[in-house]
Protein backbone atom coordinates (compact mmCIF):
# COMPACT_ATOMS: atom_id res chain seq x y z
CA SER A 1 -8.60 -25.39 7.10
CA LEU A 2 -6.07 -22.73 6.68
CA ALA A 3 -3.58 -23.80 9.12
CA VAL A 4 -3.82 -27.59 7.55
CA VAL A 5 -3.13 -26.28 3.96
CA VAL A 6 -0.11 -24.11 5.45
CA ILE A 7 1.23 -27.03 7.45
CA TRP A 8 1.00 -29.36 4.92
CA SER A 9 2.71 -26.92 2.46
CA HIS A 10 5.49 -26.89 4.82
CA LEU A 11 5.83 -30.59 5.53
CA ASP A 12 5.41 -31.72 1.74
CA PRO A 13 8.73 -32.41 0.08
CA LYS A 14 7.48 -31.42 -2.89
CA HIS A 15 6.94 -27.84 -1.65
CA SER A 16 10.04 -27.45 0.55
CA SER A 17 13.22 -25.48 0.19
CA MET A 18 14.83 -28.34 -1.54
CA ALA A 19 12.85 -28.52 -4.49
CA SER A 20 14.64 -28.28 -7.70
CA ALA A 21 13.11 -25.98 -10.49
CA PRO A 22 12.09 -22.70 -9.09
CA LYS A 23 13.65 -22.48 -5.87
CA MET A 24 11.18 -22.84 -3.24
CA ALA A 25 11.15 -21.35 0.47
CA SER A 26 9.74 -22.54 3.73
CA ALA A 27 5.88 -22.05 4.49
CA THR A 28 6.48 -20.95 7.95
CA PRO A 29 6.21 -17.50 7.56
CA LEU A 30 2.38 -17.92 6.15
CA ALA A 31 1.38 -19.89 9.12
CA TRP A 32 2.55 -17.39 11.26
CA ALA A 33 0.30 -14.85 8.98
CA VAL A 34 -2.62 -17.57 9.75
CA LEU A 35 -1.85 -17.00 13.29
CA ALA A 36 -2.14 -13.20 12.94
CA SER A 37 -5.40 -13.59 11.20
CA ILE A 38 -6.89 -15.71 14.00
CA CYS A 39 -5.62 -13.33 16.65
CA TRP A 40 -7.24 -10.24 14.70
CA ALA A 41 -10.49 -12.12 14.05
CA LEU A 42 -10.73 -12.17 18.01
CA ASN A 43 -9.96 -8.71 18.10
CA SER A 44 -12.77 -7.78 15.60
CA PHE A 45 -15.02 -10.22 17.36
CA GLN A 46 -14.99 -8.67 20.57
CA LEU A 47 -15.06 -5.19 19.22
CA GLY A 48 -18.09 -5.91 17.37
CA ILE A 49 -19.90 -7.35 20.27
CA ILE A 50 -19.21 -3.99 22.11
CA ALA A 51 -20.73 -2.03 19.11
CA GLU A 52 -23.98 -4.58 19.02
CA GLU A 53 -24.46 -3.94 22.89
CA VAL A 54 -23.70 -0.34 23.67
CA THR A 55 -25.96 2.64 22.81
CA SER A 56 -23.52 4.65 20.89
CA PRO A 57 -21.51 2.58 18.90
CA GLY A 58 -19.60 5.38 17.26
CA ASP A 59 -18.20 6.68 20.60
CA ALA A 60 -17.55 2.78 21.82
CA ASN A 61 -15.51 2.42 18.89
CA LEU A 62 -13.15 5.28 19.51
CA SER A 63 -12.84 4.39 23.23
CA ALA A 64 -12.26 0.71 22.38
CA ALA A 65 -9.45 1.90 20.02
CA PHE A 66 -7.59 3.92 22.85
CA VAL A 67 -8.05 0.85 25.17
CA VAL A 68 -6.52 -1.37 22.32
CA TRP A 69 -3.56 0.85 22.00
CA THR A 70 -3.15 0.70 26.27
CA SER A 71 -3.18 -3.17 26.13
CA CYS A 72 -0.48 -3.08 23.34
CA GLY A 73 1.82 -0.48 25.23
CA VAL A 74 1.31 -2.66 28.61
CA LEU A 75 2.73 -5.59 26.54
CA GLY A 76 5.43 -3.48 25.21
CA LEU A 77 6.80 -2.18 28.68
CA VAL A 78 6.60 -5.85 29.81
CA LEU A 79 8.93 -7.00 26.83
CA LEU A 80 11.17 -3.83 27.50
CA LEU A 81 11.58 -5.17 31.29
CA TYR A 82 11.99 -8.49 30.20
CA LYS A 83 14.82 -7.80 27.76
CA ALA A 84 16.67 -5.74 30.23
CA MET A 85 16.79 -8.27 32.74
CA THR A 86 18.02 -11.03 30.09
CA THR A 87 19.39 -10.51 26.64
CA GLY A 88 19.68 -6.52 27.04
CA VAL A 89 17.34 -4.02 25.15
CA LEU A 90 17.43 -3.35 21.24
CA LYS A 91 20.63 -5.66 20.93
CA GLY A 92 19.36 -7.16 17.58
CA ILE A 93 17.72 -3.93 16.06
CA ASN A 94 20.71 -2.83 14.07
CA GLY A 95 20.91 0.74 14.22
CA ARG A 96 18.90 3.85 15.02
CA LYS A 97 17.48 3.89 11.49
CA ASN A 98 15.93 0.47 12.15
CA MET A 99 14.76 1.87 15.36
CA ALA A 100 13.28 4.90 14.05
CA GLN A 101 11.29 3.01 11.29
CA SER A 102 9.93 0.34 13.81
CA TYR A 103 8.55 3.30 16.06
CA ALA A 104 7.04 5.01 13.03
CA ALA A 105 5.41 1.56 12.01
CA GLY A 106 3.62 1.55 15.39
CA PHE A 107 2.26 5.00 14.94
CA CYS A 108 1.20 4.48 11.48
CA SER A 109 -0.45 1.11 12.76
CA ALA A 110 -2.38 3.06 15.45
CA GLY A 111 -3.02 5.78 13.14
CA GLY A 112 -4.68 3.61 10.90
CA MET A 113 -6.65 2.33 13.56
CA LEU A 114 -7.79 5.70 14.55
CA VAL A 115 -8.73 6.74 11.41
CA LEU A 116 -10.63 3.39 10.74
CA SER A 117 -12.67 4.17 14.22
CA LEU A 118 -13.34 7.72 13.12
CA ALA A 119 -14.70 6.75 10.09
CA LEU A 120 -17.04 4.20 11.57
CA ALA A 121 -18.12 6.77 13.92
CA SER A 122 -18.96 9.44 11.63
CA ASP A 123 -20.49 7.42 9.01
CA PRO A 124 -22.01 4.31 10.56
CA GLU A 125 -24.16 3.45 7.53
CA SER A 126 -21.09 3.01 5.24
CA ALA A 127 -19.46 0.40 7.52
CA GLY A 128 -19.56 -2.33 4.75
CA PHE A 129 -18.15 0.00 2.30
CA ILE A 130 -15.41 1.10 4.80
CA ALA A 131 -14.52 -2.46 5.57
CA SER A 132 -14.48 -3.42 1.73
CA VAL A 133 -11.74 -0.96 1.05
CA MET A 134 -9.30 -2.28 3.90
CA PRO A 135 -7.88 -5.39 2.19
CA LEU A 136 -6.54 -3.23 -0.66
CA SER A 137 -3.67 -2.77 1.81
CA GLY A 138 -2.36 -6.02 0.66
CA LEU A 139 -2.12 -5.10 -3.22
CA PHE A 140 -0.78 -1.67 -2.17
CA VAL A 141 2.02 -3.66 0.07
CA SER A 142 2.58 -6.16 -2.92
CA VAL A 143 3.44 -3.30 -5.38
CA ILE A 144 5.56 -1.26 -3.42
CA ALA A 145 7.60 -4.24 -2.20
CA TRP A 146 7.74 -5.21 -5.71
CA ILE A 147 9.12 -1.76 -6.53
CA ILE A 148 11.30 -0.92 -3.54
CA LEU A 149 12.18 -4.16 -2.14
CA SER A 150 12.60 -6.01 -5.68
CA GLU A 151 10.19 -8.74 -3.75
CA LYS A 152 8.73 -10.49 -7.06
CA LEU A 153 5.68 -12.53 -6.85
CA THR A 154 4.95 -15.75 -9.03
CA GLY A 155 2.01 -16.24 -10.96
CA PRO A 156 0.23 -18.11 -8.51
CA GLN A 157 1.21 -15.77 -5.70
CA MET A 158 -0.46 -12.76 -7.71
CA VAL A 159 -3.33 -15.04 -8.36
CA GLY A 160 -3.59 -15.81 -4.52
CA ILE A 161 -3.33 -12.49 -3.53
CA VAL A 162 -6.21 -11.00 -5.94
CA ILE A 163 -8.36 -13.95 -4.41
CA ALA A 164 -7.75 -13.53 -1.21
CA VAL A 165 -8.02 -9.93 -1.26
CA SER A 166 -11.50 -10.10 -3.11
CA GLY A 167 -12.78 -12.48 -0.34
CA PRO A 168 -12.98 -9.87 2.56
CA ILE A 169 -14.54 -7.04 -0.11
CA VAL A 170 -17.30 -9.63 -1.08
CA MET A 171 -17.95 -10.39 2.71
CA ALA A 172 -18.12 -6.68 3.64
CA LEU A 173 -20.52 -5.81 0.76
CA ALA A 174 -22.95 -8.53 1.93
CA ASP A 175 -23.65 -6.00 4.72
CA LYS A 176 -26.64 -3.56 4.17
CA SER A 177 -24.58 -0.30 3.74
CA VAL A 178 -24.61 2.90 1.85
CA ALA A 179 -21.86 4.06 -0.13
CA SER A 180 -20.17 7.40 0.71
CA LEU A 181 -17.40 9.22 -0.43
CA THR A 182 -16.55 9.96 3.55
CA GLY A 183 -16.94 6.25 4.23
CA ILE A 184 -14.56 5.11 1.35
CA ALA A 185 -12.04 7.96 2.15
CA GLY A 186 -11.88 6.70 5.52
CA GLY A 187 -11.27 3.31 4.47
CA ALA A 188 -8.87 3.99 2.03
CA GLY A 189 -6.73 6.32 4.59
CA ALA A 190 -6.92 3.40 7.25
CA ALA A 191 -5.66 0.62 4.54
CA LEU A 192 -3.10 3.04 3.33
CA LEU A 193 -1.51 3.65 6.81
CA LEU A 194 -1.74 -0.14 7.90
CA GLY A 195 -0.04 -0.87 4.69
CA THR A 196 2.79 1.47 5.34
CA SER A 197 3.21 0.06 8.60
CA ASN A 198 3.37 -3.53 7.42
CA PHE A 199 5.95 -2.43 4.79
CA MET A 200 8.07 -0.53 7.05
CA ARG A 201 8.27 -3.37 9.41
CA ARG A 202 9.33 -5.65 6.69
CA VAL A 203 12.12 -2.91 5.22
CA VAL A 204 13.52 -3.35 8.97
CA MET A 205 13.93 -7.14 8.50
CA THR A 206 15.71 -6.70 5.43
CA GLN A 207 18.12 -4.04 6.80
CA GLY A 208 20.18 -6.72 9.17
CA CYS A 209 17.61 -6.72 12.08
CA ARG A 210 18.28 -9.84 13.93
CA ASP A 211 15.46 -10.00 16.51
CA PRO A 212 12.08 -9.47 15.11
CA MET A 213 10.95 -9.13 18.94
CA ASP A 214 13.05 -6.01 19.21
CA VAL A 215 10.82 -4.51 16.16
CA GLN A 216 7.71 -5.73 18.04
CA MET A 217 8.70 -4.19 21.17
CA LEU A 218 8.94 -0.60 19.57
CA VAL A 219 5.88 -1.17 17.66
CA TRP A 220 3.88 -2.07 20.92
CA LEU A 221 5.71 1.12 22.66
CA ALA A 222 4.57 3.48 20.11
CA PHE A 223 0.80 1.92 20.57
CA GLY A 224 1.70 3.15 24.33
CA THR A 225 2.79 6.18 23.59
CA ALA A 226 -0.29 7.27 21.38
CA ALA A 227 -2.34 5.52 24.48
CA VAL A 228 -0.98 8.02 26.71
CA ALA A 229 -1.32 11.08 24.72
CA ALA A 230 -5.08 9.92 23.71
CA LEU A 231 -6.11 9.37 27.27
CA VAL A 232 -4.73 12.62 28.63
CA VAL A 233 -6.82 14.53 26.22
CA VAL A 234 -9.85 12.49 26.64
CA PHE A 235 -10.00 12.74 30.36
CA ALA A 236 -8.73 16.57 30.50
CA THR A 237 -11.65 17.08 28.35
CA GLY A 238 -14.22 15.21 30.39
CA ARG A 239 -14.98 12.57 27.69
CA GLY A 240 -13.52 9.81 29.40
CA LEU A 241 -14.16 6.35 27.71
CA ARG A 242 -17.53 7.26 26.52
CA GLY A 243 -19.49 4.61 24.73
CA LEU A 244 -18.24 1.59 26.96
CA ASP A 245 -21.07 1.44 29.23
CA SER A 246 -20.23 -1.39 31.61
CA ALA A 247 -17.36 -3.36 32.99
CA ARG A 248 -18.20 -6.11 30.46
CA HIS A 249 -17.35 -3.73 27.57
CA LEU A 250 -14.13 -2.51 29.00
CA LEU A 251 -12.91 -6.14 29.51
CA PHE A 252 -13.95 -6.94 26.01
CA ALA A 253 -12.04 -3.79 25.00
CA ILE A 254 -9.01 -5.04 26.75
CA GLY A 255 -9.37 -8.49 25.42
CA ALA A 256 -9.47 -7.12 21.93
CA GLY A 257 -6.45 -5.22 22.76
CA PHE A 258 -4.35 -8.15 23.59
CA ALA A 259 -5.69 -10.24 20.72
CA GLN A 260 -4.60 -7.20 18.54
CA ALA A 261 -1.24 -7.44 20.32
CA PHE A 262 -0.56 -11.01 19.75
CA GLY A 263 -1.71 -10.92 16.19
CA SER A 264 0.97 -7.99 15.52
CA LEU A 265 3.58 -10.22 17.03
CA SER A 266 2.33 -13.10 14.72
CA PHE A 267 2.55 -10.87 11.94
CA GLN A 268 6.05 -9.69 12.52
CA PHE A 269 7.37 -13.16 12.58
CA ALA A 270 5.44 -13.75 9.29
CA LEU A 271 7.32 -10.65 7.99
CA LYS A 272 10.51 -13.09 7.59
CA GLY A 273 8.80 -14.14 4.42
CA GLN A 274 7.20 -11.55 1.72
CA VAL A 275 5.09 -8.94 2.90
CA GLY A 276 2.42 -9.11 0.23
CA PRO A 277 0.99 -12.22 0.66
CA ALA A 278 1.70 -12.20 4.55
CA THR A 279 -0.79 -9.04 4.39
CA ALA A 280 -2.98 -10.69 2.03
CA ILE A 281 -3.54 -13.89 4.48
CA GLY A 282 -3.63 -11.38 7.58
CA ASN A 283 -6.83 -9.74 5.80
CA THR A 284 -8.65 -12.93 5.74
CA MET A 285 -9.72 -12.56 9.29
CA GLY A 286 -13.22 -11.87 8.31
CA VAL A 287 -13.61 -15.51 7.90
CA GLY A 288 -12.48 -16.04 11.73
CA VAL A 289 -14.94 -13.42 12.50
CA LEU A 290 -17.73 -14.90 10.89
CA LEU A 291 -17.03 -18.29 12.30
CA LEU A 292 -17.15 -16.87 15.48
CA GLN A 293 -20.20 -15.32 14.94
CA ILE A 294 -21.98 -18.51 13.55
CA LEU A 295 -20.69 -20.24 16.96
CA PHE A 296 -21.85 -17.82 19.52
CA LEU A 297 -24.53 -15.16 17.91
CA HIS A 298 -26.25 -17.37 15.14
CA PRO A 299 -26.58 -14.40 12.74
CA PRO A 300 -28.24 -14.71 9.35
CA LEU A 301 -25.70 -15.73 6.55
CA PRO A 302 -26.06 -14.21 3.32
CA ALA A 303 -24.98 -15.96 0.20
CA MET A 304 -22.28 -13.40 -0.50
CA LYS A 305 -20.69 -13.70 3.10
CA ILE A 306 -20.50 -17.59 2.37
CA MET A 307 -19.02 -16.96 -1.05
CA GLY A 308 -16.42 -14.16 0.44
CA MET A 309 -15.44 -16.75 3.17
CA CYS A 310 -14.71 -19.64 0.69
CA LEU A 311 -12.60 -16.92 -1.58
CA CYS A 312 -10.54 -15.91 1.46
CA ILE A 313 -9.84 -19.80 2.12
CA LEU A 314 -9.12 -20.59 -1.58
CA GLY A 315 -6.80 -17.22 -2.03
CA ALA A 316 -5.12 -18.27 1.21
CA SER A 317 -4.64 -21.86 -0.10
CA VAL A 318 -3.41 -20.88 -3.12
CA LEU A 319 -0.52 -18.40 -1.44
CA ALA A 320 0.47 -21.34 0.96
CA LEU A 321 0.84 -23.66 -2.07
CA SER A 322 2.60 -21.65 -4.47
CA PRO A 323 6.28 -21.53 -4.89
CA LYS A 324 8.12 -18.44 -3.65
CA ARG A 325 11.21 -17.54 -5.85
CA LEU A 326 14.29 -16.78 -3.84
CA PRO A 327 16.57 -14.14 -4.76
CA GLU A 328 18.31 -14.85 -8.08
CA THR A 329 21.67 -14.20 -6.45
CA GLN A 330 21.35 -17.22 -4.35
CA ALA A 331 23.01 -20.34 -6.07
CA GLU A 332 21.96 -23.83 -5.75
CA PRO A 333 24.44 -25.90 -3.30
CA GLU A 334 25.28 -28.30 -6.19
CA THR A 335 26.02 -25.19 -8.37
CA ASN A 336 28.40 -23.82 -5.47
CA LEU A 337 30.18 -27.06 -5.04
CA ILE A 338 30.83 -27.24 -8.89
CA ALA A 339 32.02 -23.80 -8.68
CA GLN A 340 34.46 -24.65 -6.05
CA GLN A 341 35.90 -27.74 -7.53
CA ALA A 342 36.58 -25.78 -10.83
């Protein structure tokens, strides 16, 4: 339903970039954000299956995070080799500053995943409250993008972001959970790191980067670097991939890694547009997780989860249909023509 709304918004002339009164922009970035949300839902669903089946969910969460990093790093190496044989490596990144920021964004994202895994492992009873804090990264990113990048939001966009962020919070609070300072601090730290990663990737796109794939390659390679360091430590200390009890669970972790990687790639293309709305839509992955659970696991459905899912869909729909004001420095073609004739 989200995909239909975004596609309709993109194709309907009334919402196209040629509309007259506030200038509109293409909804294509939001379509990429929806695809990222779907991929991340597949990631979370597979990790959820592991946590349900293993004897030690905390250890499994941490080990699965290392496997996810490794999967992303492998894709980064594949993309590096492909670019080396075709267009050349980092030809569109536009400078070392953008390279460093892209690589740092990858470490922030990996760090956010690690903090989240550690928070869940140390305080599993607070899982619902930890998850409820995560969507706040959408608000955080919107604020700093407004302040630093001057990405001003329209009124409908603000409403859409608030609704889309509230949906996952309501869904998370539907789970039986115990609030704790440790859990909330862990969720807030993870949200801050992941939001910072999204913002840094958007900054690179505004600083002359011509190829989003260059940014994504560096993000994946940062994941791979973190994976190598983590695997050396866990195997040197004898911990290994504790918690992943079977080859089935390892395969689920690898699948979750590739889903995470392709979600990150989709989100990178979404960052051609405003980062705040893209982050808010990406955080609605809880809808996809719930739908997959209904399809395969048939869990009980508390009313709050249904309400949260509806809020996610409503918020994303409002964002998809909202006009996006282009920078004021860009003039209408008709205005430019009149100026030239004058």
